[in-house]
Amino acid sequence: MSEQPPAGSSGPAVQPVPPTNGYAIACLGLGIVSLMGCSFVTGIPAMVLSRVARRDIAAHPGETTGQDLATIGFALGAVATAIGALVVVGLLILGTLGMFVFDFCGGGKC
């Protein structure tokens, strides 16, 4: 025979799932947008919000969740910021080379 809860009880107590931290959600959203071409504009705020979210989650354990979202948002923001920095450096190098070529070959010397 299967065990049944005593009469008058509603069964096992169900723990409610704590809400997700708002900063963690915002961080993930900014991290995703930063990979779509807004590297510095949203990548750096994603990394800052990640730090805020992780600190908030750690300060109030059990009240909110979202540690993983904050970590993923930080990683996306960091990758997009690094890609943006490489693009800026590449453009500076190409601009410098372009000025050298136009200066050297100016006036039909080449």
PDB file of N, CA and C in Angstrom:
ATOM      1  N   MET A   1       0.837  -1.161   0.000  1.00  0.00           N
ATOM      2  CA  MET A   1       0.000   0.000   0.000  1.00  0.00           C
ATOM      3  C   MET A   1       0.890   1.235   0.000  1.00  0.00           C
ATOM      4  N   SER A   2       0.535   2.274  -0.777  1.00  0.00           N
ATOM      5  CA  SER A   2       1.357   3.469  -0.858  1.00  0.00           C
ATOM      6  C   SER A   2       1.085   4.387   0.324  1.00  0.00           C
ATOM      7  N   GLU A   3       2.130   5.129   0.656  1.00  0.00           N
ATOM      8  CA  GLU A   3       1.981   6.060   1.781  1.00  0.00           C
ATOM      9  C   GLU A   3       1.233   7.298   1.309  1.00  0.00           C
ATOM     10  N   GLN A   4       0.259   7.669   2.096  1.00  0.00           N
ATOM     11  CA  GLN A   4      -0.508   8.851   1.782  1.00  0.00           C
ATOM     12  C   GLN A   4      -0.333   9.853   2.913  1.00  0.00           C
ATOM     13  N   PRO A   5      -0.389  11.138   2.566  1.00  0.00           N
ATOM     14  CA  PRO A   5      -0.244  12.140   3.618  1.00  0.00           C
ATOM     15  C   PRO A   5      -1.410  12.050   4.593  1.00  0.00           C
ATOM     16  N   PRO A   6      -1.148  12.395   5.842  1.00  0.00           N
ATOM     17  CA  PRO A   6      -2.239  12.364   6.834  1.00  0.00           C
ATOM     18  C   PRO A   6      -3.384  13.288   6.418  1.00  0.00           C
ATOM     19  N   ALA A   7      -4.568  12.942   6.880  1.00  0.00           N
ATOM     20  CA  ALA A   7      -5.751  13.731   6.535  1.00  0.00           C
ATOM     21  C   ALA A   7      -5.568  15.164   7.021  1.00  0.00           C
ATOM     22  N   GLY A   8      -5.942  16.089   6.196  1.00  0.00           N
ATOM     23  CA  GLY A   8      -5.851  17.499   6.577  1.00  0.00           C
ATOM     24  C   GLY A   8      -4.592  18.179   6.060  1.00  0.00           C
ATOM     25  N   SER A   9      -3.598  17.413   5.601  1.00  0.00           N
ATOM     26  CA  SER A   9      -2.392  18.057   5.066  1.00  0.00           C
ATOM     27  C   SER A   9      -2.486  18.091   3.546  1.00  0.00           C
ATOM     28  N   SER A  10      -1.818  19.031   2.957  1.00  0.00           N
ATOM     29  CA  SER A  10      -1.890  19.182   1.508  1.00  0.00           C
ATOM     30  C   SER A  10      -0.720  18.517   0.800  1.00  0.00           C
ATOM     31  N   GLY A  11       0.064  17.762   1.466  1.00  0.00           N
ATOM     32  CA  GLY A  11       1.201  17.089   0.845  1.00  0.00           C
ATOM     33  C   GLY A  11       2.506  17.759   1.231  1.00  0.00           C
ATOM     34  N   PRO A  12       3.555  17.415   0.508  1.00  0.00           N
ATOM     35  CA  PRO A  12       4.856  17.987   0.858  1.00  0.00           C
ATOM     36  C   PRO A  12       4.899  19.491   0.581  1.00  0.00           C
ATOM     37  N   ALA A  13       5.624  20.192   1.428  1.00  0.00           N
ATOM     38  CA  ALA A  13       5.748  21.637   1.272  1.00  0.00           C
ATOM     39  C   ALA A  13       6.607  21.942   0.050  1.00  0.00           C
ATOM     40  N   VAL A  14       6.131  22.835  -0.778  1.00  0.00           N
ATOM     41  CA  VAL A  14       6.846  23.215  -1.985  1.00  0.00           C
ATOM     42  C   VAL A  14       7.523  24.558  -1.729  1.00  0.00           C
ATOM     43  N   GLN A  15       8.837  24.584  -1.933  1.00  0.00           N
ATOM     44  CA  GLN A  15       9.579  25.822  -1.759  1.00  0.00           C
ATOM     45  C   GLN A  15       9.407  26.689  -3.004  1.00  0.00           C
ATOM     46  N   PRO A  16       9.008  27.941  -2.849  1.00  0.00           N
ATOM     47  CA  PRO A  16       8.891  28.801  -4.025  1.00  0.00           C
ATOM     48  C   PRO A  16      10.284  29.131  -4.575  1.00  0.00           C
ATOM     49  N   VAL A  17      10.353  29.220  -5.876  1.00  0.00           N
ATOM     50  CA  VAL A  17      11.621  29.559  -6.528  1.00  0.00           C
ATOM     51  C   VAL A  17      11.849  31.056  -6.371  1.00  0.00           C
ATOM     52  N   PRO A  18      13.020  31.451  -5.865  1.00  0.00           N
ATOM     53  CA  PRO A  18      13.270  32.893  -5.719  1.00  0.00           C
ATOM     54  C   PRO A  18      13.361  33.560  -7.087  1.00  0.00           C
ATOM     55  N   PRO A  19      12.992  34.828  -7.155  1.00  0.00           N
ATOM     56  CA  PRO A  19      13.038  35.527  -8.445  1.00  0.00           C
ATOM     57  C   PRO A  19      14.478  35.729  -8.914  1.00  0.00           C
ATOM     58  N   THR A  20      14.608  35.941 -10.202  1.00  0.00           N
ATOM     59  CA  THR A  20      15.929  36.201 -10.783  1.00  0.00           C
ATOM     60  C   THR A  20      16.291  37.664 -10.561  1.00  0.00           C
ATOM     61  N   ASN A  21      17.543  37.894 -10.226  1.00  0.00           N
ATOM     62  CA  ASN A  21      18.044  39.242  -9.977  1.00  0.00           C
ATOM     63  C   ASN A  21      17.908  40.084 -11.238  1.00  0.00           C
ATOM     64  N   GLY A  22      17.353  41.276 -11.095  1.00  0.00           N
ATOM     65  CA  GLY A  22      17.141  42.158 -12.240  1.00  0.00           C
ATOM     66  C   GLY A  22      18.440  42.612 -12.890  1.00  0.00           C
ATOM     67  N   TYR A  23      19.465  42.835 -12.065  1.00  0.00           N
ATOM     68  CA  TYR A  23      20.760  43.227 -12.621  1.00  0.00           C
ATOM     69  C   TYR A  23      21.350  42.111 -13.483  1.00  0.00           C
ATOM     70  N   ALA A  24      21.135  40.867 -13.076  1.00  0.00           N
ATOM     71  CA  ALA A  24      21.655  39.734 -13.842  1.00  0.00           C
ATOM     72  C   ALA A  24      20.961  39.638 -15.197  1.00  0.00           C
ATOM     73  N   ILE A  25      19.656  39.888 -15.219  1.00  0.00           N
ATOM     74  CA  ILE A  25      18.916  39.857 -16.478  1.00  0.00           C
ATOM     75  C   ILE A  25      19.386  40.984 -17.390  1.00  0.00           C
ATOM     76  N   ALA A  26      19.542  42.182 -16.827  1.00  0.00           N
ATOM     77  CA  ALA A  26      20.010  43.318 -17.617  1.00  0.00           C
ATOM     78  C   ALA A  26      21.420  43.078 -18.142  1.00  0.00           C
ATOM     79  N   CYS A  27      22.252  42.481 -17.310  1.00  0.00           N
ATOM     80  CA  CYS A  27      23.629  42.177 -17.702  1.00  0.00           C
ATOM     81  C   CYS A  27      23.650  41.219 -18.887  1.00  0.00           C
ATOM     82  N   LEU A  28      22.840  40.195 -18.849  1.00  0.00           N
ATOM     83  CA  LEU A  28      22.778  39.238 -19.953  1.00  0.00           C
ATOM     84  C   LEU A  28      22.279  39.918 -21.226  1.00  0.00           C
ATOM     85  N   GLY A  29      21.253  40.746 -21.106  1.00  0.00           N
ATOM     86  CA  GLY A  29      20.743  41.463 -22.272  1.00  0.00           C
ATOM     87  C   GLY A  29      21.790  42.382 -22.886  1.00  0.00           C
ATOM     88  N   LEU A  30      22.510  43.120 -22.042  1.00  0.00           N
ATOM     89  CA  LEU A  30      23.560  44.001 -22.551  1.00  0.00           C
ATOM     90  C   LEU A  30      24.694  43.200 -23.180  1.00  0.00           C
ATOM     91  N   GLY A  31      25.018  42.053 -22.608  1.00  0.00           N
ATOM     92  CA  GLY A  31      26.066  41.211 -23.171  1.00  0.00           C
ATOM     93  C   GLY A  31      25.699  40.698 -24.547  1.00  0.00           C
ATOM     94  N   ILE A  32      24.443  40.323 -24.727  1.00  0.00           N
ATOM     95  CA  ILE A  32      23.986  39.838 -26.045  1.00  0.00           C
ATOM     96  C   ILE A  32      24.007  40.971 -27.058  1.00  0.00           C
ATOM     97  N   VAL A  33      23.513  42.143 -26.668  1.00  0.00           N
ATOM     98  CA  VAL A  33      23.491  43.287 -27.584  1.00  0.00           C
ATOM     99  C   VAL A  33      24.917  43.720 -27.934  1.00  0.00           C
ATOM    100  N   SER A  34      25.842  43.584 -26.992  1.00  0.00           N
ATOM    101  CA  SER A  34      27.219  44.004 -27.260  1.00  0.00           C
ATOM    102  C   SER A  34      27.858  43.163 -28.362  1.00  0.00           C
ATOM    103  N   LEU A  35      27.458  41.917 -28.495  1.00  0.00           N
ATOM    104  CA  LEU A  35      27.997  41.079 -29.561  1.00  0.00           C
ATOM    105  C   LEU A  35      27.408  41.422 -30.929  1.00  0.00           C
ATOM    106  N   MET A  36      26.347  42.194 -30.942  1.00  0.00           N
ATOM    107  CA  MET A  36      25.696  42.546 -32.205  1.00  0.00           C
ATOM    108  C   MET A  36      26.211  43.860 -32.772  1.00  0.00           C
ATOM    109  N   GLY A  37      27.332  44.339 -32.284  1.00  0.00           N
ATOM    110  CA  GLY A  37      27.938  45.522 -32.877  1.00  0.00           C
ATOM    111  C   GLY A  37      28.061  46.723 -31.968  1.00  0.00           C
ATOM    112  N   CYS A  38      27.540  46.670 -30.788  1.00  0.00           N
ATOM    113  CA  CYS A  38      27.634  47.803 -29.853  1.00  0.00           C
ATOM    114  C   CYS A  38      28.681  47.490 -28.784  1.00  0.00           C
ATOM    115  N   SER A  39      29.853  47.113 -29.197  1.00  0.00           N
ATOM    116  CA  SER A  39      30.828  46.503 -28.298  1.00  0.00           C
ATOM    117  C   SER A  39      31.134  47.336 -27.055  1.00  0.00           C
ATOM    118  N   PHE A  40      31.615  48.564 -27.221  1.00  0.00           N
ATOM    119  CA  PHE A  40      31.988  49.340 -26.041  1.00  0.00           C
ATOM    120  C   PHE A  40      30.775  49.923 -25.342  1.00  0.00           C
ATOM    121  N   VAL A  41      29.776  50.284 -26.123  1.00  0.00           N
ATOM    122  CA  VAL A  41      28.608  50.968 -25.575  1.00  0.00           C
ATOM    123  C   VAL A  41      27.851  50.085 -24.593  1.00  0.00           C
ATOM    124  N   THR A  42      27.739  48.798 -24.889  1.00  0.00           N
ATOM    125  CA  THR A  42      27.003  47.914 -23.991  1.00  0.00           C
ATOM    126  C   THR A  42      27.875  46.840 -23.344  1.00  0.00           C
ATOM    127  N   GLY A  43      29.071  46.606 -23.864  1.00  0.00           N
ATOM    128  CA  GLY A  43      29.943  45.579 -23.295  1.00  0.00           C
ATOM    129  C   GLY A  43      30.474  45.956 -21.929  1.00  0.00           C
ATOM    130  N   ILE A  44      30.942  47.193 -21.794  1.00  0.00           N
ATOM    131  CA  ILE A  44      31.480  47.634 -20.508  1.00  0.00           C
ATOM    132  C   ILE A  44      30.375  47.718 -19.451  1.00  0.00           C
ATOM    133  N   PRO A  45      29.194  48.304 -19.751  1.00  0.00           N
ATOM    134  CA  PRO A  45      28.122  48.264 -18.746  1.00  0.00           C
ATOM    135  C   PRO A  45      27.688  46.846 -18.378  1.00  0.00           C
ATOM    136  N   ALA A  46      27.759  45.910 -19.322  1.00  0.00           N
ATOM    137  CA  ALA A  46      27.420  44.518 -19.006  1.00  0.00           C
ATOM    138  C   ALA A  46      28.383  43.958 -17.965  1.00  0.00           C
ATOM    139  N   MET A  47      29.659  44.278 -18.105  1.00  0.00           N
ATOM    140  CA  MET A  47      30.643  43.794 -17.138  1.00  0.00           C
ATOM    141  C   MET A  47      30.440  44.445 -15.771  1.00  0.00           C
ATOM    142  N   VAL A  48      30.101  45.734 -15.761  1.00  0.00           N
ATOM    143  CA  VAL A  48      29.865  46.426 -14.489  1.00  0.00           C
ATOM    144  C   VAL A  48      28.618  45.872 -13.811  1.00  0.00           C
ATOM    145  N   LEU A  49      27.531  45.696 -14.574  1.00  0.00           N
ATOM    146  CA  LEU A  49      26.296  45.159 -13.993  1.00  0.00           C
ATOM    147  C   LEU A  49      26.480  43.725 -13.508  1.00  0.00           C
ATOM    148  N   SER A  50      27.353  42.981 -14.161  1.00  0.00           N
ATOM    149  CA  SER A  50      27.632  41.624 -13.708  1.00  0.00           C
ATOM    150  C   SER A  50      28.221  41.644 -12.308  1.00  0.00           C
ATOM    151  N   ARG A  51      29.140  42.549 -12.090  1.00  0.00           N
ATOM    152  CA  ARG A  51      29.760  42.669 -10.763  1.00  0.00           C
ATOM    153  C   ARG A  51      28.718  43.070  -9.721  1.00  0.00           C
ATOM    154  N   VAL A  52      27.856  44.017 -10.078  1.00  0.00           N
ATOM    155  CA  VAL A  52      26.802  44.472  -9.157  1.00  0.00           C
ATOM    156  C   VAL A  52      25.845  43.322  -8.852  1.00  0.00           C
ATOM    157  N   ALA A  53      25.453  42.571  -9.877  1.00  0.00           N
ATOM    158  CA  ALA A  53      24.512  41.464  -9.691  1.00  0.00           C
ATOM    159  C   ALA A  53      25.108  40.379  -8.801  1.00  0.00           C
ATOM    160  N   ARG A  54      26.354  40.007  -9.070  1.00  0.00           N
ATOM    161  CA  ARG A  54      26.976  38.962  -8.249  1.00  0.00           C
ATOM    162  C   ARG A  54      27.130  39.396  -6.800  1.00  0.00           C
ATOM    163  N   ARG A  55      27.468  40.667  -6.592  1.00  0.00           N
ATOM    164  CA  ARG A  55      27.593  41.179  -5.229  1.00  0.00           C
ATOM    165  C   ARG A  55      26.234  41.183  -4.523  1.00  0.00           C
ATOM    166  N   ASP A  56      25.193  41.580  -5.257  1.00  0.00           N
ATOM    167  CA  ASP A  56      23.846  41.616  -4.679  1.00  0.00           C
ATOM    168  C   ASP A  56      23.343  40.218  -4.343  1.00  0.00           C
ATOM    169  N   ILE A  57      23.591  39.264  -5.230  1.00  0.00           N
ATOM    170  CA  ILE A  57      23.153  37.883  -4.988  1.00  0.00           C
ATOM    171  C   ILE A  57      23.897  37.293  -3.792  1.00  0.00           C
ATOM    172  N   ALA A  58      25.184  37.579  -3.679  1.00  0.00           N
ATOM    173  CA  ALA A  58      25.968  37.051  -2.565  1.00  0.00           C
ATOM    174  C   ALA A  58      25.591  37.712  -1.236  1.00  0.00           C
ATOM    175  N   ALA A  59      25.200  38.987  -1.278  1.00  0.00           N
ATOM    176  CA  ALA A  59      24.844  39.697  -0.047  1.00  0.00           C
ATOM    177  C   ALA A  59      23.506  39.239   0.517  1.00  0.00           C
ATOM    178  N   HIS A  60      22.624  38.753  -0.335  1.00  0.00           N
ATOM    179  CA  HIS A  60      21.294  38.316   0.098  1.00  0.00           C
ATOM    180  C   HIS A  60      21.050  36.887  -0.397  1.00  0.00           C
ATOM    181  N   PRO A  61      21.711  35.905   0.204  1.00  0.00           N
ATOM    182  CA  PRO A  61      21.569  34.533  -0.294  1.00  0.00           C
ATOM    183  C   PRO A  61      20.138  34.025  -0.149  1.00  0.00           C
ATOM    184  N   GLY A  62      19.667  33.373  -1.200  1.00  0.00           N
ATOM    185  CA  GLY A  62      18.343  32.782  -1.179  1.00  0.00           C
ATOM    186  C   GLY A  62      17.225  33.717  -1.598  1.00  0.00           C
ATOM    187  N   GLU A  63      17.475  35.029  -1.629  1.00  0.00           N
ATOM    188  CA  GLU A  63      16.418  35.975  -2.011  1.00  0.00           C
ATOM    189  C   GLU A  63      16.254  36.054  -3.516  1.00  0.00           C
ATOM    190  N   THR A  64      17.366  36.034  -4.238  1.00  0.00           N
ATOM    191  CA  THR A  64      17.322  36.085  -5.698  1.00  0.00           C
ATOM    192  C   THR A  64      18.318  35.091  -6.277  1.00  0.00           C
ATOM    193  N   THR A  65      18.107  34.754  -7.540  1.00  0.00           N
ATOM    194  CA  THR A  65      19.029  33.874  -8.254  1.00  0.00           C
ATOM    195  C   THR A  65      19.556  34.629  -9.468  1.00  0.00           C
ATOM    196  N   GLY A  66      20.422  33.997 -10.233  1.00  0.00           N
ATOM    197  CA  GLY A  66      20.911  34.616 -11.451  1.00  0.00           C
ATOM    198  C   GLY A  66      22.418  34.712 -11.541  1.00  0.00           C
ATOM    199  N   GLN A  67      23.112  33.996 -10.667  1.00  0.00           N
ATOM    200  CA  GLN A  67      24.580  34.010 -10.699  1.00  0.00           C
ATOM    201  C   GLN A  67      25.100  33.595 -12.078  1.00  0.00           C
ATOM    202  N   ASP A  68      24.498  32.572 -12.661  1.00  0.00           N
ATOM    203  CA  ASP A  68      24.934  32.092 -13.976  1.00  0.00           C
ATOM    204  C   ASP A  68      24.666  33.135 -15.065  1.00  0.00           C
ATOM    205  N   LEU A  69      23.525  33.805 -14.995  1.00  0.00           N
ATOM    206  CA  LEU A  69      23.211  34.832 -15.985  1.00  0.00           C
ATOM    207  C   LEU A  69      24.224  35.971 -15.919  1.00  0.00           C
ATOM    208  N   ALA A  70      24.596  36.351 -14.695  1.00  0.00           N
ATOM    209  CA  ALA A  70      25.570  37.426 -14.524  1.00  0.00           C
ATOM    210  C   ALA A  70      26.934  37.018 -15.074  1.00  0.00           C
ATOM    211  N   THR A  71      27.309  35.773 -14.860  1.00  0.00           N
ATOM    212  CA  THR A  71      28.597  35.294 -15.363  1.00  0.00           C
ATOM    213  C   THR A  71      28.606  35.252 -16.894  1.00  0.00           C
ATOM    214  N   ILE A  72      27.520  34.776 -17.492  1.00  0.00           N
ATOM    215  CA  ILE A  72      27.432  34.725 -18.955  1.00  0.00           C
ATOM    216  C   ILE A  72      27.418  36.136 -19.532  1.00  0.00           C
ATOM    217  N   GLY A  73      26.690  37.046 -18.907  1.00  0.00           N
ATOM    218  CA  GLY A  73      26.660  38.431 -19.361  1.00  0.00           C
ATOM    219  C   GLY A  73      28.030  39.079 -19.301  1.00  0.00           C
ATOM    220  N   PHE A  74      28.785  38.791 -18.232  1.00  0.00           N
ATOM    221  CA  PHE A  74      30.147  39.323 -18.123  1.00  0.00           C
ATOM    222  C   PHE A  74      31.022  38.791 -19.243  1.00  0.00           C
ATOM    223  N   ALA A  75      30.929  37.491 -19.500  1.00  0.00           N
ATOM    224  CA  ALA A  75      31.762  36.888 -20.544  1.00  0.00           C
ATOM    225  C   ALA A  75      31.424  37.464 -21.916  1.00  0.00           C
ATOM    226  N   LEU A  76      30.138  37.622 -22.223  1.00  0.00           N
ATOM    227  CA  LEU A  76      29.740  38.193 -23.512  1.00  0.00           C
ATOM    228  C   LEU A  76      30.214  39.635 -23.649  1.00  0.00           C
ATOM    229  N   GLY A  77      30.073  40.406 -22.576  1.00  0.00           N
ATOM    230  CA  GLY A  77      30.536  41.791 -22.611  1.00  0.00           C
ATOM    231  C   GLY A  77      32.042  41.889 -22.776  1.00  0.00           C
ATOM    232  N   ALA A  78      32.779  40.999 -22.108  1.00  0.00           N
ATOM    233  CA  ALA A  78      34.242  41.013 -22.215  1.00  0.00           C
ATOM    234  C   ALA A  78      34.692  40.626 -23.615  1.00  0.00           C
ATOM    235  N   VAL A  79      34.061  39.619 -24.192  1.00  0.00           N
ATOM    236  CA  VAL A  79      34.429  39.195 -25.548  1.00  0.00           C
ATOM    237  C   VAL A  79      34.130  40.310 -26.550  1.00  0.00           C
ATOM    238  N   ALA A  80      32.964  40.929 -26.435  1.00  0.00           N
ATOM    239  CA  ALA A  80      32.600  41.998 -27.366  1.00  0.00           C
ATOM    240  C   ALA A  80      33.513  43.207 -27.204  1.00  0.00           C
ATOM    241  N   THR A  81      33.891  43.525 -25.977  1.00  0.00           N
ATOM    242  CA  THR A  81      34.797  44.647 -25.746  1.00  0.00           C
ATOM    243  C   THR A  81      36.177  44.350 -26.317  1.00  0.00           C
ATOM    244  N   ALA A  82      36.653  43.130 -26.160  1.00  0.00           N
ATOM    245  CA  ALA A  82      37.956  42.753 -26.728  1.00  0.00           C
ATOM    246  C   ALA A  82      37.919  42.812 -28.256  1.00  0.00           C
ATOM    247  N   ILE A  83      36.843  42.327 -28.851  1.00  0.00           N
ATOM    248  CA  ILE A  83      36.711  42.393 -30.309  1.00  0.00           C
ATOM    249  C   ILE A  83      36.667  43.851 -30.767  1.00  0.00           C
ATOM    250  N   GLY A  84      35.935  44.675 -30.039  1.00  0.00           N
ATOM    251  CA  GLY A  84      35.868  46.096 -30.382  1.00  0.00           C
ATOM    252  C   GLY A  84      37.228  46.768 -30.284  1.00  0.00           C
ATOM    253  N   ALA A  85      38.008  46.411 -29.269  1.00  0.00           N
ATOM    254  CA  ALA A  85      39.351  46.983 -29.129  1.00  0.00           C
ATOM    255  C   ALA A  85      40.248  46.556 -30.292  1.00  0.00           C
ATOM    256  N   LEU A  86      40.136  45.296 -30.693  1.00  0.00           N
ATOM    257  CA  LEU A  86      40.927  44.828 -31.833  1.00  0.00           C
ATOM    258  C   LEU A  86      40.530  45.539 -33.123  1.00  0.00           C
ATOM    259  N   VAL A  87      39.255  45.801 -33.292  1.00  0.00           N
ATOM    260  CA  VAL A  87      38.786  46.512 -34.477  1.00  0.00           C
ATOM    261  C   VAL A  87      39.334  47.939 -34.483  1.00  0.00           C
ATOM    262  N   VAL A  88      39.302  48.606 -33.342  1.00  0.00           N
ATOM    263  CA  VAL A  88      39.820  49.975 -33.268  1.00  0.00           C
ATOM    264  C   VAL A  88      41.312  49.999 -33.572  1.00  0.00           C
ATOM    265  N   VAL A  89      42.071  49.067 -32.994  1.00  0.00           N
ATOM    266  CA  VAL A  89      43.510  48.999 -33.264  1.00  0.00           C
ATOM    267  C   VAL A  89      43.751  48.725 -34.750  1.00  0.00           C
ATOM    268  N   GLY A  90      42.994  47.820 -35.334  1.00  0.00           N
ATOM    269  CA  GLY A  90      43.138  47.523 -36.757  1.00  0.00           C
ATOM    270  C   GLY A  90      42.839  48.729 -37.617  1.00  0.00           C
ATOM    271  N   LEU A  91      41.798  49.479 -37.285  1.00  0.00           N
ATOM    272  CA  LEU A  91      41.473  50.681 -38.051  1.00  0.00           C
ATOM    273  C   LEU A  91      42.561  51.739 -37.921  1.00  0.00           C
ATOM    274  N   LEU A  92      43.131  51.868 -36.736  1.00  0.00           N
ATOM    275  CA  LEU A  92      44.231  52.815 -36.562  1.00  0.00           C
ATOM    276  C   LEU A  92      45.446  52.423 -37.396  1.00  0.00           C
ATOM    277  N   ILE A  93      45.747  51.138 -37.425  1.00  0.00           N
ATOM    278  CA  ILE A  93      46.881  50.665 -38.226  1.00  0.00           C
ATOM    279  C   ILE A  93      46.610  50.898 -39.708  1.00  0.00           C
ATOM    280  N   LEU A  94      45.412  50.552 -40.159  1.00  0.00           N
ATOM    281  CA  LEU A  94      45.071  50.780 -41.567  1.00  0.00           C
ATOM    282  C   LEU A  94      45.081  52.264 -41.915  1.00  0.00           C
ATOM    283  N   GLY A  95      44.614  53.099 -41.034  1.00  0.00           N
ATOM    284  CA  GLY A  95      44.637  54.541 -41.272  1.00  0.00           C
ATOM    285  C   GLY A  95      46.050  55.073 -41.366  1.00  0.00           C
ATOM    286  N   THR A  96      46.911  54.593 -40.475  1.00  0.00           N
ATOM    287  CA  THR A  96      48.314  55.018 -40.505  1.00  0.00           C
ATOM    288  C   THR A  96      48.990  54.556 -41.788  1.00  0.00           C
ATOM    289  N   LEU A  97      48.761  53.307 -42.167  1.00  0.00           N
ATOM    290  CA  LEU A  97      49.337  52.815 -43.421  1.00  0.00           C
ATOM    291  C   LEU A  97      48.784  53.566 -44.618  1.00  0.00           C
ATOM    292  N   GLY A  98      47.503  53.880 -44.583  1.00  0.00           N
ATOM    293  CA  GLY A  98      46.895  54.627 -45.680  1.00  0.00           C
ATOM    294  C   GLY A  98      47.488  56.014 -45.809  1.00  0.00           C
ATOM    295  N   MET A  99      47.708  56.701 -44.679  1.00  0.00           N
ATOM    296  CA  MET A  99      48.335  58.023 -44.742  1.00  0.00           C
ATOM    297  C   MET A  99      49.756  57.917 -45.280  1.00  0.00           C
ATOM    298  N   PHE A 100      50.489  56.875 -44.910  1.00  0.00           N
ATOM    299  CA  PHE A 100      51.854  56.689 -45.404  1.00  0.00           C
ATOM    300  C   PHE A 100      51.852  56.460 -46.903  1.00  0.00           C
ATOM    301  N   VAL A 101      50.942  55.611 -47.373  1.00  0.00           N
ATOM    302  CA  VAL A 101      50.889  55.313 -48.805  1.00  0.00           C
ATOM    303  C   VAL A 101      50.514  56.561 -49.599  1.00  0.00           C
ATOM    304  N   PHE A 102      49.518  57.313 -49.133  1.00  0.00           N
ATOM    305  CA  PHE A 102      49.117  58.505 -49.870  1.00  0.00           C
ATOM    306  C   PHE A 102      50.198  59.582 -49.818  1.00  0.00           C
ATOM    307  N   ASP A 103      50.924  59.652 -48.721  1.00  0.00           N
ATOM    308  CA  ASP A 103      52.000  60.637 -48.619  1.00  0.00           C
ATOM    309  C   ASP A 103      53.152  60.239 -49.523  1.00  0.00           C
ATOM    310  N   PHE A 104      53.488  58.956 -49.546  1.00  0.00           N
ATOM    311  CA  PHE A 104      54.609  58.461 -50.349  1.00  0.00           C
ATOM    312  C   PHE A 104      54.282  58.492 -51.835  1.00  0.00           C
ATOM    313  N   CYS A 105      53.057  58.096 -52.168  1.00  0.00           N
ATOM    314  CA  CYS A 105      52.677  57.995 -53.583  1.00  0.00           C
ATOM    315  C   CYS A 105      51.929  59.220 -54.080  1.00  0.00           C
ATOM    316  N   GLY A 106      51.839  60.259 -53.287  1.00  0.00           N
ATOM    317  CA  GLY A 106      51.105  61.451 -53.710  1.00  0.00           C
ATOM    318  C   GLY A 106      51.782  62.132 -54.887  1.00  0.00           C
ATOM    319  N   GLY A 107      50.996  62.785 -55.704  1.00  0.00           N
ATOM    320  CA  GLY A 107      51.524  63.529 -56.847  1.00  0.00           C
ATOM    321  C   GLY A 107      51.938  62.640 -58.004  1.00  0.00           C
ATOM    322  N   GLY A 108      51.494  61.396 -58.049  1.00  0.00           N
ATOM    323  CA  GLY A 108      51.792  60.511 -59.170  1.00  0.00           C
ATOM    324  C   GLY A 108      53.203  59.938 -59.173  1.00  0.00           C
ATOM    325  N   LYS A 109      53.850  59.861 -57.992  1.00  0.00           N
ATOM    326  CA  LYS A 109      55.218  59.319 -57.926  1.00  0.00           C
ATOM    327  C   LYS A 109      55.248  57.806 -58.076  1.00  0.00           C
ATOM    328  N   CYS A 110      54.174  57.137 -57.778  1.00  0.00           N
ATOM    329  CA  CYS A 110      54.174  55.666 -57.800  1.00  0.00           C
ATOM    330  C   CYS A 110      53.722  55.118 -59.123  1.00  0.00           C
TER     331      CYS A 110
END
